Amino acid sequence: MTGIKDVKCVLVIGATAGIGRALALAIHNLDSKPIVVVSGRRQERLDELAKHGERIKTARVDINTTHDELKQFVDRVLSEHPNLDAVILSSGVQHIFDLKKPETIDMSKIDDEVNTNYVSIIKLIVLFLPHFLKLSAEGRPSFIVPITSGLAIQPKADVPNYCATKAGLHSLALSLRAQLADTKVRVIEILPPLVESELHDHQGTTPALSKLWMPLDEFTKHTMEGLIRGDLQVAVGFSAQLLVKYEKGKRESVEQASKNQ
């Protein structure tokens, strides 16, 4: 089965920290030697990543922006890297909301989560699809890799909007995969459990969560194994248990229903 070792050039959006950064470096270290384009908001972190090897290229973007600017970013990436055949969508933000105290809710943070975790992701997918469908018509495989969460399956009450955005992206991945089933565009969803990252630093919850999370190196190892195999859903740790418990057969059912339409 086609997997990540078959890619020639991969774009990792959200590569300046955490899971995105770890996957970018792990993919760069594959013996297939792909070009890895790292993208994110913080230029100094992109520059640091570029020091890891000449096959690491940079492309700065803040995905929490307008459609026109996202299109300009996609056009620029494809102009500079016409062999791009994979995009990993790793950007994400998480906020705590106490809905019993609606007066404390910062509406701008709701917008931030929805746009960063879902709206910008579907826009980027739509903008990259013409290129990937062209590759498909030429007989070349390509990969769209959204990163969702185990919280897309079983939400956590104190981060309700985050869970909702990840559930939406999880649903989108299922539908997108079904629609693209007769093409060579493969949709591989990564579902992390609670993983070591900077995601929680601004919440002040890192000390408590660090006692529970999966080390980033361990998560990266298992995720890369799934990407190399070409698994359509790469669920690790507790997320894998949730997928089996609550969604066994769901992906196949969605794909079969699409065929029957």
C-alpha atoms as a PDB file:
ATOM      1  CA  MET A   1       0.000   0.000   0.000  1.00  0.00           C
ATOM      2  CA  THR A   2       1.222   3.495  -0.811  1.00  0.00           C
ATOM      3  CA  GLY A   3       2.667   5.276   2.214  1.00  0.00           C
ATOM      4  CA  ILE A   4       4.700   8.273   3.287  1.00  0.00           C
ATOM      5  CA  LYS A   5       7.931   6.792   1.914  1.00  0.00           C
ATOM      6  CA  ASP A   6       6.477   7.236  -1.577  1.00  0.00           C
ATOM      7  CA  VAL A   7       6.244  11.029  -1.361  1.00  0.00           C
ATOM      8  CA  LYS A   8       8.681  13.275  -3.173  1.00  0.00           C
ATOM      9  CA  CYS A   9       7.822  16.539  -1.444  1.00  0.00           C
ATOM     10  CA  VAL A  10       5.708  17.089   1.671  1.00  0.00           C
ATOM     11  CA  LEU A  11       4.426  20.343   3.149  1.00  0.00           C
ATOM     12  CA  VAL A  12       3.945  20.369   6.930  1.00  0.00           C
ATOM     13  CA  ILE A  13       1.714  23.250   8.035  1.00  0.00           C
ATOM     14  CA  GLY A  14       2.132  23.945  11.740  1.00  0.00           C
ATOM     15  CA  ALA A  15       5.713  22.673  11.794  1.00  0.00           C
ATOM     16  CA  THR A  16       7.187  25.115  14.298  1.00  0.00           C
ATOM     17  CA  ALA A  17       6.296  23.122  17.420  1.00  0.00           C
ATOM     18  CA  GLY A  18       5.018  19.852  18.826  1.00  0.00           C
ATOM     19  CA  ILE A  19       3.638  17.145  16.580  1.00  0.00           C
ATOM     20  CA  GLY A  20       4.132  19.091  13.349  1.00  0.00           C
ATOM     21  CA  ARG A  21       7.801  19.737  14.044  1.00  0.00           C
ATOM     22  CA  ALA A  22       8.452  16.153  15.128  1.00  0.00           C
ATOM     23  CA  LEU A  23       6.788  14.693  12.035  1.00  0.00           C
ATOM     24  CA  ALA A  24       8.617  17.098   9.723  1.00  0.00           C
ATOM     25  CA  LEU A  25      11.984  15.977  11.090  1.00  0.00           C
ATOM     26  CA  ALA A  26      11.028  12.287  11.092  1.00  0.00           C
ATOM     27  CA  ILE A  27       9.890  12.458   7.461  1.00  0.00           C
ATOM     28  CA  HIS A  28      13.070  14.326   6.521  1.00  0.00           C
ATOM     29  CA  ASN A  29      15.078  11.457   8.037  1.00  0.00           C
ATOM     30  CA  LEU A  30      13.390   8.768   5.902  1.00  0.00           C
ATOM     31  CA  ASP A  31      15.745   6.874   3.610  1.00  0.00           C
ATOM     32  CA  SER A  32      13.519   7.895   0.676  1.00  0.00           C
ATOM     33  CA  LYS A  33      14.918  11.439   1.167  1.00  0.00           C
ATOM     34  CA  PRO A  34      11.870  13.599   0.407  1.00  0.00           C
ATOM     35  CA  ILE A  35      11.883  17.383   0.295  1.00  0.00           C
ATOM     36  CA  VAL A  36      10.153  18.696   3.439  1.00  0.00           C
ATOM     37  CA  VAL A  37       8.627  22.174   3.310  1.00  0.00           C
ATOM     38  CA  VAL A  38       8.010  23.446   6.834  1.00  0.00           C
ATOM     39  CA  SER A  39       5.434  26.135   7.423  1.00  0.00           C
ATOM     40  CA  GLY A  40       4.171  28.177  10.352  1.00  0.00           C
ATOM     41  CA  ARG A  41       3.942  31.664  11.829  1.00  0.00           C
ATOM     42  CA  ARG A  42       7.289  31.926  13.611  1.00  0.00           C
ATOM     43  CA  GLN A  43      10.076  32.583  11.126  1.00  0.00           C
ATOM     44  CA  GLU A  44      12.849  32.075  13.681  1.00  0.00           C
ATOM     45  CA  ARG A  45      11.620  28.532  14.330  1.00  0.00           C
ATOM     46  CA  LEU A  46      11.376  27.818  10.615  1.00  0.00           C
ATOM     47  CA  ASP A  47      14.969  29.018  10.222  1.00  0.00           C
ATOM     48  CA  GLU A  48      16.042  26.700  13.042  1.00  0.00           C
ATOM     49  CA  LEU A  49      14.357  23.758  11.330  1.00  0.00           C
ATOM     50  CA  ALA A  50      16.074  24.564   8.042  1.00  0.00           C
ATOM     51  CA  LYS A  51      19.445  24.030   9.739  1.00  0.00           C
ATOM     52  CA  HIS A  52      18.654  20.308  10.050  1.00  0.00           C
ATOM     53  CA  GLY A  53      19.311  19.643   6.366  1.00  0.00           C
ATOM     54  CA  GLU A  54      19.344  21.054   2.862  1.00  0.00           C
ATOM     55  CA  ARG A  55      16.152  19.150   1.986  1.00  0.00           C
ATOM     56  CA  ILE A  56      14.196  21.200   4.532  1.00  0.00           C
ATOM     57  CA  LYS A  57      12.676  24.304   2.943  1.00  0.00           C
ATOM     58  CA  THR A  58      10.614  27.017   4.628  1.00  0.00           C
ATOM     59  CA  ALA A  59       7.369  28.800   3.751  1.00  0.00           C
ATOM     60  CA  ARG A  60       6.010  31.175   6.363  1.00  0.00           C
ATOM     61  CA  VAL A  61       2.231  31.514   6.771  1.00  0.00           C
ATOM     62  CA  ASP A  62      -0.308  32.456   9.414  1.00  0.00           C
ATOM     63  CA  ILE A  63      -3.287  30.296   8.477  1.00  0.00           C
ATOM     64  CA  ASN A  64      -5.593  32.470  10.565  1.00  0.00           C
ATOM     65  CA  THR A  65      -5.881  34.896   7.652  1.00  0.00           C
ATOM     66  CA  THR A  66      -8.022  35.713   4.620  1.00  0.00           C
ATOM     67  CA  HIS A  67      -8.914  33.332   1.818  1.00  0.00           C
ATOM     68  CA  ASP A  68      -6.975  35.472  -0.663  1.00  0.00           C
ATOM     69  CA  GLU A  69      -3.806  35.299   1.415  1.00  0.00           C
ATOM     70  CA  LEU A  70      -4.175  31.540   1.835  1.00  0.00           C
ATOM     71  CA  LYS A  71      -4.507  31.219  -1.939  1.00  0.00           C
ATOM     72  CA  GLN A  72      -1.373  33.314  -2.436  1.00  0.00           C
ATOM     73  CA  PHE A  73       0.463  31.020  -0.021  1.00  0.00           C
ATOM     74  CA  VAL A  74      -0.688  27.870  -1.842  1.00  0.00           C
ATOM     75  CA  ASP A  75       0.206  29.342  -5.239  1.00  0.00           C
ATOM     76  CA  ARG A  76       3.665  30.300  -3.958  1.00  0.00           C
ATOM     77  CA  VAL A  77       4.331  26.851  -2.487  1.00  0.00           C
ATOM     78  CA  LEU A  78       3.261  25.084  -5.688  1.00  0.00           C
ATOM     79  CA  SER A  79       5.315  27.467  -7.814  1.00  0.00           C
ATOM     80  CA  GLU A  80       8.435  26.780  -5.750  1.00  0.00           C
ATOM     81  CA  HIS A  81       7.710  23.057  -5.259  1.00  0.00           C
ATOM     82  CA  PRO A  82       5.793  21.696  -8.275  1.00  0.00           C
ATOM     83  CA  ASN A  83       6.520  18.113  -7.148  1.00  0.00           C
ATOM     84  CA  LEU A  84       4.577  18.602  -3.910  1.00  0.00           C
ATOM     85  CA  ASP A  85       2.570  15.426  -3.354  1.00  0.00           C
ATOM     86  CA  ALA A  86       1.638  15.562   0.336  1.00  0.00           C
ATOM     87  CA  VAL A  87       0.363  18.102   2.832  1.00  0.00           C
ATOM     88  CA  ILE A  88       0.178  17.512   6.580  1.00  0.00           C
ATOM     89  CA  LEU A  89      -2.206  19.881   8.367  1.00  0.00           C
ATOM     90  CA  SER A  90      -0.946  20.143  11.925  1.00  0.00           C
ATOM     91  CA  SER A  91      -1.912  23.667  13.010  1.00  0.00           C
ATOM     92  CA  GLY A  92      -4.126  23.846  16.067  1.00  0.00           C
ATOM     93  CA  VAL A  93      -5.070  25.963  19.056  1.00  0.00           C
ATOM     94  CA  GLN A  94      -6.963  25.077  22.228  1.00  0.00           C
ATOM     95  CA  HIS A  95      -8.839  27.233  24.752  1.00  0.00           C
ATOM     96  CA  ILE A  96     -10.635  26.374  27.996  1.00  0.00           C
ATOM     97  CA  PHE A  97     -14.251  27.591  28.241  1.00  0.00           C
ATOM     98  CA  ASP A  98     -16.609  27.363  31.225  1.00  0.00           C
ATOM     99  CA  LEU A  99     -20.012  27.551  29.566  1.00  0.00           C
ATOM    100  CA  LYS A 100     -21.702  27.797  32.973  1.00  0.00           C
ATOM    101  CA  LYS A 101     -20.122  31.255  33.139  1.00  0.00           C
ATOM    102  CA  PRO A 102     -20.982  32.700  29.720  1.00  0.00           C
ATOM    103  CA  GLU A 103     -19.925  36.171  30.825  1.00  0.00           C
ATOM    104  CA  THR A 104     -16.315  34.911  30.973  1.00  0.00           C
ATOM    105  CA  ILE A 105     -16.259  33.641  27.379  1.00  0.00           C
ATOM    106  CA  ASP A 106     -13.972  35.566  25.038  1.00  0.00           C
ATOM    107  CA  MET A 107     -15.764  35.321  21.692  1.00  0.00           C
ATOM    108  CA  SER A 108     -12.556  36.098  19.799  1.00  0.00           C
ATOM    109  CA  LYS A 109     -11.059  32.881  21.188  1.00  0.00           C
ATOM    110  CA  ILE A 110     -14.035  30.928  19.848  1.00  0.00           C
ATOM    111  CA  ASP A 111     -13.411  32.460  16.421  1.00  0.00           C
ATOM    112  CA  ASP A 112      -9.695  31.697  16.758  1.00  0.00           C
ATOM    113  CA  GLU A 113     -10.309  28.006  17.479  1.00  0.00           C
ATOM    114  CA  VAL A 114     -12.910  27.523  14.753  1.00  0.00           C
ATOM    115  CA  ASN A 115     -10.833  29.274  12.110  1.00  0.00           C
ATOM    116  CA  THR A 116      -7.465  27.734  13.004  1.00  0.00           C
ATOM    117  CA  ASN A 117      -8.680  24.194  13.657  1.00  0.00           C
ATOM    118  CA  TYR A 118     -11.320  23.851  10.952  1.00  0.00           C
ATOM    119  CA  VAL A 119     -12.136  26.720   8.566  1.00  0.00           C
ATOM    120  CA  SER A 120      -8.563  27.394   7.465  1.00  0.00           C
ATOM    121  CA  ILE A 121      -7.911  23.650   7.131  1.00  0.00           C
ATOM    122  CA  ILE A 122     -10.816  22.985   4.769  1.00  0.00           C
ATOM    123  CA  LYS A 123      -9.866  26.088   2.764  1.00  0.00           C
ATOM    124  CA  LEU A 124      -6.296  24.830   2.379  1.00  0.00           C
ATOM    125  CA  ILE A 125      -7.542  21.394   1.347  1.00  0.00           C
ATOM    126  CA  VAL A 126      -9.802  22.931  -1.302  1.00  0.00           C
ATOM    127  CA  LEU A 127      -6.943  25.110  -2.564  1.00  0.00           C
ATOM    128  CA  PHE A 128      -4.500  22.196  -2.851  1.00  0.00           C
ATOM    129  CA  LEU A 129      -6.990  19.745  -4.392  1.00  0.00           C
ATOM    130  CA  PRO A 130      -6.706  20.945  -8.027  1.00  0.00           C
ATOM    131  CA  HIS A 131      -2.969  20.211  -7.898  1.00  0.00           C
ATOM    132  CA  PHE A 132      -3.455  16.802  -6.294  1.00  0.00           C
ATOM    133  CA  LEU A 133      -6.236  15.850  -8.714  1.00  0.00           C
ATOM    134  CA  LYS A 134      -3.926  16.789 -11.584  1.00  0.00           C
ATOM    135  CA  LEU A 135      -1.296  14.451 -10.150  1.00  0.00           C
ATOM    136  CA  SER A 136      -3.963  11.755  -9.886  1.00  0.00           C
ATOM    137  CA  ALA A 137      -4.871  12.176 -13.558  1.00  0.00           C
ATOM    138  CA  GLU A 138      -1.180  11.648 -14.345  1.00  0.00           C
ATOM    139  CA  GLY A 139      -1.195   8.409 -12.336  1.00  0.00           C
ATOM    140  CA  ARG A 140       0.678   9.825  -9.342  1.00  0.00           C
ATOM    141  CA  PRO A 141      -0.488   9.298  -5.755  1.00  0.00           C
ATOM    142  CA  SER A 142      -0.722  12.173  -3.293  1.00  0.00           C
ATOM    143  CA  PHE A 143      -1.645  12.585   0.364  1.00  0.00           C
ATOM    144  CA  ILE A 144      -3.832  14.905   2.404  1.00  0.00           C
ATOM    145  CA  VAL A 145      -3.086  14.348   6.096  1.00  0.00           C
ATOM    146  CA  PRO A 146      -5.291  16.220   8.593  1.00  0.00           C
ATOM    147  CA  ILE A 147      -4.387  15.893  12.256  1.00  0.00           C
ATOM    148  CA  THR A 148      -7.491  15.614  14.420  1.00  0.00           C
ATOM    149  CA  SER A 149      -7.592  14.199  17.971  1.00  0.00           C
ATOM    150  CA  GLY A 150      -8.976  11.443  20.129  1.00  0.00           C
ATOM    151  CA  LEU A 151     -11.142  14.271  21.499  1.00  0.00           C
ATOM    152  CA  ALA A 152     -12.938  14.252  18.146  1.00  0.00           C
ATOM    153  CA  ILE A 153     -14.429  10.932  19.278  1.00  0.00           C
ATOM    154  CA  GLN A 154     -14.759  11.439  23.032  1.00  0.00           C
ATOM    155  CA  PRO A 155     -14.848  15.146  23.981  1.00  0.00           C
ATOM    156  CA  LYS A 156     -13.379  16.694  27.123  1.00  0.00           C
ATOM    157  CA  ALA A 157     -15.841  19.044  28.794  1.00  0.00           C
ATOM    158  CA  ASP A 158     -13.471  21.904  29.635  1.00  0.00           C
ATOM    159  CA  VAL A 159     -12.359  22.357  26.009  1.00  0.00           C
ATOM    160  CA  PRO A 160     -15.764  22.016  24.290  1.00  0.00           C
ATOM    161  CA  ASN A 161     -15.125  24.179  21.252  1.00  0.00           C
ATOM    162  CA  TYR A 162     -11.757  22.554  20.545  1.00  0.00           C
ATOM    163  CA  CYS A 163     -13.393  19.130  20.638  1.00  0.00           C
ATOM    164  CA  ALA A 164     -16.149  20.323  18.311  1.00  0.00           C
ATOM    165  CA  THR A 165     -13.652  21.641  15.757  1.00  0.00           C
ATOM    166  CA  LYS A 166     -11.708  18.386  15.821  1.00  0.00           C
ATOM    167  CA  ALA A 167     -14.936  16.385  15.499  1.00  0.00           C
ATOM    168  CA  GLY A 168     -15.809  18.483  12.470  1.00  0.00           C
ATOM    169  CA  LEU A 169     -12.408  17.861  10.900  1.00  0.00           C
ATOM    170  CA  HIS A 170     -12.691  14.142  11.667  1.00  0.00           C
ATOM    171  CA  SER A 171     -16.060  14.038   9.890  1.00  0.00           C
ATOM    172  CA  LEU A 172     -14.621  15.995   6.967  1.00  0.00           C
ATOM    173  CA  ALA A 173     -11.787  13.485   6.627  1.00  0.00           C
ATOM    174  CA  LEU A 174     -14.290  10.624   6.384  1.00  0.00           C
ATOM    175  CA  SER A 175     -16.359  12.382   3.718  1.00  0.00           C
ATOM    176  CA  LEU A 176     -13.342  13.619   1.767  1.00  0.00           C
ATOM    177  CA  ARG A 177     -11.834  10.140   1.668  1.00  0.00           C
ATOM    178  CA  ALA A 178     -15.110   8.701   0.370  1.00  0.00           C
ATOM    179  CA  GLN A 179     -15.404  11.367  -2.343  1.00  0.00           C
ATOM    180  CA  LEU A 180     -11.813  10.794  -3.489  1.00  0.00           C
ATOM    181  CA  ALA A 181     -12.022   6.994  -3.411  1.00  0.00           C
ATOM    182  CA  ASP A 182     -11.800   6.692  -7.199  1.00  0.00           C
ATOM    183  CA  THR A 183      -8.708   8.919  -7.402  1.00  0.00           C
ATOM    184  CA  LYS A 184      -5.102   8.530  -6.310  1.00  0.00           C
ATOM    185  CA  VAL A 185      -5.506  11.238  -3.657  1.00  0.00           C
ATOM    186  CA  ARG A 186      -5.259   9.479  -0.304  1.00  0.00           C
ATOM    187  CA  VAL A 187      -6.686  10.973   2.896  1.00  0.00           C
ATOM    188  CA  ILE A 188      -4.790   9.797   5.977  1.00  0.00           C
ATOM    189  CA  GLU A 189      -6.140  11.054   9.291  1.00  0.00           C
ATOM    190  CA  ILE A 190      -3.856  11.202  12.323  1.00  0.00           C
ATOM    191  CA  LEU A 191      -5.669  10.960  15.679  1.00  0.00           C
ATOM    192  CA  PRO A 192      -3.284  11.782  18.533  1.00  0.00           C
ATOM    193  CA  PRO A 193      -4.026  11.082  22.195  1.00  0.00           C
ATOM    194  CA  LEU A 194      -2.849  13.571  24.827  1.00  0.00           C
ATOM    195  CA  VAL A 195       0.723  14.183  23.641  1.00  0.00           C
ATOM    196  CA  GLU A 196       3.626  16.198  25.015  1.00  0.00           C
ATOM    197  CA  SER A 197       3.390  19.653  23.394  1.00  0.00           C
ATOM    198  CA  GLU A 198       3.197  23.421  23.907  1.00  0.00           C
ATOM    199  CA  LEU A 199      -0.557  23.380  23.223  1.00  0.00           C
ATOM    200  CA  HIS A 200      -1.464  23.754  26.892  1.00  0.00           C
ATOM    201  CA  ASP A 201       1.230  26.201  28.040  1.00  0.00           C
ATOM    202  CA  HIS A 202      -1.001  29.288  27.838  1.00  0.00           C
ATOM    203  CA  GLN A 203      -3.678  27.491  29.889  1.00  0.00           C
ATOM    204  CA  GLY A 204      -1.364  26.804  32.812  1.00  0.00           C
ATOM    205  CA  THR A 205      -2.297  23.111  32.693  1.00  0.00           C
ATOM    206  CA  THR A 206       1.017  21.745  31.411  1.00  0.00           C
ATOM    207  CA  PRO A 207       2.378  20.632  34.836  1.00  0.00           C
ATOM    208  CA  ALA A 208      -0.715  18.502  35.504  1.00  0.00           C
ATOM    209  CA  LEU A 209      -1.108  17.161  31.975  1.00  0.00           C
ATOM    210  CA  SER A 210       2.579  16.282  31.675  1.00  0.00           C
ATOM    211  CA  LYS A 211       1.955  13.489  34.186  1.00  0.00           C
ATOM    212  CA  LEU A 212      -0.579  11.943  31.812  1.00  0.00           C
ATOM    213  CA  TRP A 213       0.574  12.624  28.277  1.00  0.00           C
ATOM    214  CA  MET A 214       2.393  10.375  25.839  1.00  0.00           C
ATOM    215  CA  PRO A 215       5.993  11.477  25.224  1.00  0.00           C
ATOM    216  CA  LEU A 216       6.350  13.134  21.825  1.00  0.00           C
ATOM    217  CA  ASP A 217       9.101  10.744  20.695  1.00  0.00           C
ATOM    218  CA  GLU A 218       6.907   7.714  21.430  1.00  0.00           C
ATOM    219  CA  PHE A 219       3.939   9.233  19.600  1.00  0.00           C
ATOM    220  CA  THR A 220       6.098  10.146  16.602  1.00  0.00           C
ATOM    221  CA  LYS A 221       7.525   6.618  16.379  1.00  0.00           C
ATOM    222  CA  HIS A 222       4.089   4.969  16.301  1.00  0.00           C
ATOM    223  CA  THR A 223       2.636   7.580  13.954  1.00  0.00           C
ATOM    224  CA  MET A 224       5.480   7.204  11.463  1.00  0.00           C
ATOM    225  CA  GLU A 225       4.931   3.439  11.465  1.00  0.00           C
ATOM    226  CA  GLY A 226       1.300   4.029  10.467  1.00  0.00           C
ATOM    227  CA  LEU A 227       2.216   6.602   7.826  1.00  0.00           C
ATOM    228  CA  ILE A 228       4.793   4.255   6.315  1.00  0.00           C
ATOM    229  CA  ARG A 229       2.219   1.449   6.168  1.00  0.00           C
ATOM    230  CA  GLY A 230      -0.265   3.852   4.587  1.00  0.00           C
ATOM    231  CA  ASP A 231      -2.949   3.359   7.248  1.00  0.00           C
ATOM    232  CA  LEU A 232      -5.997   5.484   6.446  1.00  0.00           C
ATOM    233  CA  GLN A 233      -6.500   6.293  10.128  1.00  0.00           C
ATOM    234  CA  VAL A 234      -3.377   6.535  12.263  1.00  0.00           C
ATOM    235  CA  ALA A 235      -4.640   6.401  15.846  1.00  0.00           C
ATOM    236  CA  VAL A 236      -2.138   6.041  18.672  1.00  0.00           C
ATOM    237  CA  GLY A 237      -2.543   5.090  22.323  1.00  0.00           C
ATOM    238  CA  PHE A 238      -5.886   5.969  23.905  1.00  0.00           C
ATOM    239  CA  SER A 239      -7.128   7.360  20.583  1.00  0.00           C
ATOM    240  CA  ALA A 240      -6.769   3.904  19.049  1.00  0.00           C
ATOM    241  CA  GLN A 241      -8.910   2.457  21.844  1.00  0.00           C
ATOM    242  CA  LEU A 242     -11.589   5.116  21.296  1.00  0.00           C
ATOM    243  CA  LEU A 243     -11.632   4.479  17.558  1.00  0.00           C
ATOM    244  CA  VAL A 244     -12.258   0.768  18.088  1.00  0.00           C
ATOM    245  CA  LYS A 245     -14.794   1.281  20.895  1.00  0.00           C
ATOM    246  CA  TYR A 246     -16.978   3.935  19.283  1.00  0.00           C
ATOM    247  CA  GLU A 247     -16.286   3.953  15.541  1.00  0.00           C
ATOM    248  CA  LYS A 248     -15.521   0.398  14.476  1.00  0.00           C
ATOM    249  CA  GLY A 249     -16.814   0.038  10.927  1.00  0.00           C
ATOM    250  CA  LYS A 250     -17.792   3.705  10.588  1.00  0.00           C
ATOM    251  CA  ARG A 251     -15.195   4.572   7.936  1.00  0.00           C
ATOM    252  CA  GLU A 252     -16.144   1.586   5.814  1.00  0.00           C
ATOM    253  CA  SER A 253     -19.844   2.418   6.200  1.00  0.00           C
ATOM    254  CA  VAL A 254     -19.301   6.011   5.026  1.00  0.00           C
ATOM    255  CA  GLU A 255     -17.335   4.825   2.002  1.00  0.00           C
ATOM    256  CA  GLN A 256     -19.940   2.195   1.109  1.00  0.00           C
ATOM    257  CA  ALA A 257     -22.775   4.717   1.401  1.00  0.00           C
ATOM    258  CA  SER A 258     -20.892   7.026  -0.944  1.00  0.00           C
ATOM    259  CA  LYS A 259     -20.561   4.252  -3.519  1.00  0.00           C
ATOM    260  CA  ASN A 260     -24.307   3.594  -3.345  1.00  0.00           C
ATOM    261  CA  GLN A 261     -25.289   7.186  -4.126  1.00  0.00           C
END
